[in-house]
C-alpha atoms as a PDB file:
ATOM      1  CA  UNK A   1       4.847 -17.349  17.531  1.00  0.00           C
ATOM      2  CA  UNK A   2       3.021 -18.104  14.294  1.00  0.00           C
ATOM      3  CA  UNK A   3       0.588 -15.518  13.048  1.00  0.00           C
ATOM      4  CA  UNK A   4      -2.195 -16.807  10.803  1.00  0.00           C
ATOM      5  CA  UNK A   5      -2.210 -15.356   7.298  1.00  0.00           C
ATOM      6  CA  UNK A   6      -5.655 -13.833   7.869  1.00  0.00           C
ATOM      7  CA  UNK A   7      -4.589 -11.997  11.011  1.00  0.00           C
ATOM      8  CA  UNK A   8      -3.514  -8.368  10.618  1.00  0.00           C
ATOM      9  CA  UNK A   9      -0.285  -7.628  12.419  1.00  0.00           C
ATOM     10  CA  UNK A  10       0.156  -4.210  13.945  1.00  0.00           C
ATOM     11  CA  UNK A  11       2.174  -1.858  11.754  1.00  0.00           C
ATOM     12  CA  UNK A  12       4.832  -1.499  14.452  1.00  0.00           C
ATOM     13  CA  UNK A  13       5.497  -5.264  14.408  1.00  0.00           C
ATOM     14  CA  UNK A  14       6.184  -5.367  10.664  1.00  0.00           C
ATOM     15  CA  UNK A  15       9.621  -4.890   9.191  1.00  0.00           C
ATOM     16  CA  UNK A  16      10.216  -3.042   5.915  1.00  0.00           C
ATOM     17  CA  UNK A  17       9.764  -6.163   3.774  1.00  0.00           C
ATOM     18  CA  UNK A  18       6.502  -7.047   5.537  1.00  0.00           C
ATOM     19  CA  UNK A  19       5.170  -3.532   4.959  1.00  0.00           C
ATOM     20  CA  UNK A  20       6.106  -3.545   1.271  1.00  0.00           C
ATOM     21  CA  UNK A  21       4.569  -6.995   0.800  1.00  0.00           C
ATOM     22  CA  UNK A  22       1.377  -5.913   2.595  1.00  0.00           C
ATOM     23  CA  UNK A  23       1.217  -2.803   0.403  1.00  0.00           C
ATOM     24  CA  UNK A  24       1.506  -4.931  -2.745  1.00  0.00           C
ATOM     25  CA  UNK A  25      -1.042  -7.486  -1.544  1.00  0.00           C
ATOM     26  CA  UNK A  26      -3.584  -4.838  -0.710  1.00  0.00           C
ATOM     27  CA  UNK A  27      -2.946  -3.014  -3.959  1.00  0.00           C
ATOM     28  CA  UNK A  28      -3.631  -6.303  -5.794  1.00  0.00           C
ATOM     29  CA  UNK A  29      -6.756  -6.861  -3.695  1.00  0.00           C
ATOM     30  CA  UNK A  30      -8.047  -3.423  -4.632  1.00  0.00           C
ATOM     31  CA  UNK A  31      -7.341  -4.199  -8.299  1.00  0.00           C
ATOM     32  CA  UNK A  32      -9.364  -7.429  -8.300  1.00  0.00           C
ATOM     33  CA  UNK A  33     -12.185  -5.514  -6.564  1.00  0.00           C
ATOM     34  CA  UNK A  34     -12.108  -2.990  -9.465  1.00  0.00           C
ATOM     35  CA  UNK A  35     -10.793  -0.290  -7.147  1.00  0.00           C
ATOM     36  CA  UNK A  36      -7.432   1.454  -6.814  1.00  0.00           C
ATOM     37  CA  UNK A  37      -5.181   1.801  -3.786  1.00  0.00           C
ATOM     38  CA  UNK A  38      -4.541   5.282  -2.414  1.00  0.00           C
ATOM     39  CA  UNK A  39      -2.441   6.655   0.428  1.00  0.00           C
ATOM     40  CA  UNK A  40      -5.643   7.018   2.481  1.00  0.00           C
ATOM     41  CA  UNK A  41      -6.624   3.425   1.894  1.00  0.00           C
ATOM     42  CA  UNK A  42      -3.170   2.163   2.914  1.00  0.00           C
ATOM     43  CA  UNK A  43      -3.285   4.276   6.089  1.00  0.00           C
ATOM     44  CA  UNK A  44      -6.651   2.705   6.884  1.00  0.00           C
ATOM     45  CA  UNK A  45      -5.278  -0.790   6.278  1.00  0.00           C
ATOM     46  CA  UNK A  46      -2.280  -0.143   8.534  1.00  0.00           C
ATOM     47  CA  UNK A  47      -4.502   1.701  11.037  1.00  0.00           C
ATOM     48  CA  UNK A  48      -2.332   4.821  10.869  1.00  0.00           C
ATOM     49  CA  UNK A  49      -3.603   8.231  11.905  1.00  0.00           C
ATOM     50  CA  UNK A  50      -4.068  10.899   9.240  1.00  0.00           C
ATOM     51  CA  UNK A  51      -0.966  12.711  10.493  1.00  0.00           C
ATOM     52  CA  UNK A  52       1.036   9.583   9.534  1.00  0.00           C
ATOM     53  CA  UNK A  53       0.431  10.049   5.794  1.00  0.00           C
ATOM     54  CA  UNK A  54       4.181  10.431   5.252  1.00  0.00           C
ATOM     55  CA  UNK A  55       4.781   6.928   6.612  1.00  0.00           C
ATOM     56  CA  UNK A  56       2.248   5.458   4.194  1.00  0.00           C
ATOM     57  CA  UNK A  57       3.911   7.425   1.393  1.00  0.00           C
ATOM     58  CA  UNK A  58       7.286   5.931   2.365  1.00  0.00           C
ATOM     59  CA  UNK A  59       5.845   2.404   2.213  1.00  0.00           C
ATOM     60  CA  UNK A  60       4.291   3.154  -1.188  1.00  0.00           C
ATOM     61  CA  UNK A  61       7.600   4.575  -2.448  1.00  0.00           C
ATOM     62  CA  UNK A  62       9.445   1.463  -1.231  1.00  0.00           C
ATOM     63  CA  UNK A  63       6.909  -0.791  -3.005  1.00  0.00           C
ATOM     64  CA  UNK A  64       7.333   1.223  -6.220  1.00  0.00           C
ATOM     65  CA  UNK A  65      11.120   1.020  -5.883  1.00  0.00           C
ATOM     66  CA  UNK A  66      10.851  -2.756  -5.383  1.00  0.00           C
ATOM     67  CA  UNK A  67       8.832  -2.946  -8.612  1.00  0.00           C
ATOM     68  CA  UNK A  68       5.768  -4.377  -6.868  1.00  0.00           C
ATOM     69  CA  UNK A  69       3.339  -1.519  -7.561  1.00  0.00           C
ATOM     70  CA  UNK A  70       3.160   1.363  -9.999  1.00  0.00           C
ATOM     71  CA  UNK A  71       1.458   4.741 -10.250  1.00  0.00           C
ATOM     72  CA  UNK A  72      -1.908   4.750 -12.019  1.00  0.00           C
ATOM     73  CA  UNK A  73      -1.136   7.412 -14.609  1.00  0.00           C
ATOM     74  CA  UNK A  74      -4.722   7.603 -15.893  1.00  0.00           C
ATOM     75  CA  UNK A  75      -5.326  10.495 -13.465  1.00  0.00           C
ATOM     76  CA  UNK A  76      -2.173  12.364 -14.409  1.00  0.00           C
ATOM     77  CA  UNK A  77       0.845  12.856 -12.191  1.00  0.00           C
ATOM     78  CA  UNK A  78      -0.785  14.594  -9.242  1.00  0.00           C
ATOM     79  CA  UNK A  79       0.639  13.176  -6.014  1.00  0.00           C
ATOM     80  CA  UNK A  80      -2.336  14.461  -4.028  1.00  0.00           C
ATOM     81  CA  UNK A  81      -4.822  12.270  -5.898  1.00  0.00           C
ATOM     82  CA  UNK A  82      -2.429   9.437  -6.741  1.00  0.00           C
ATOM     83  CA  UNK A  83      -3.738   5.914  -7.132  1.00  0.00           C
ATOM     84  CA  UNK A  84      -1.627   2.789  -7.448  1.00  0.00           C
ATOM     85  CA  UNK A  85      -1.796  -0.485  -9.364  1.00  0.00           C
ATOM     86  CA  UNK A  86      -0.003  -3.829  -8.979  1.00  0.00           C
ATOM     87  CA  UNK A  87       3.029  -4.033 -11.287  1.00  0.00           C
ATOM     88  CA  UNK A  88       1.260  -6.504 -13.595  1.00  0.00           C
ATOM     89  CA  UNK A  89      -1.903  -4.474 -14.132  1.00  0.00           C
END
């Protein structure tokens, strides 16, 4: 079954690579909108409940490890208020 590019797939149907790619794409989208991606924003995008913050953090960590996004260090190193940028920003 082909899924159009504009259609959001449920989080459960994505594999690790899909989740990392979606994280990067949405981080880049936030950047071009002059905003920054946060854990909360990624949970909203994936439609995850607030108690699933650890899952969003794991996806963010995997995207950082893959070199696709990086921590926005302009706010310091606080993990609680962390914001993320695409690797090229």
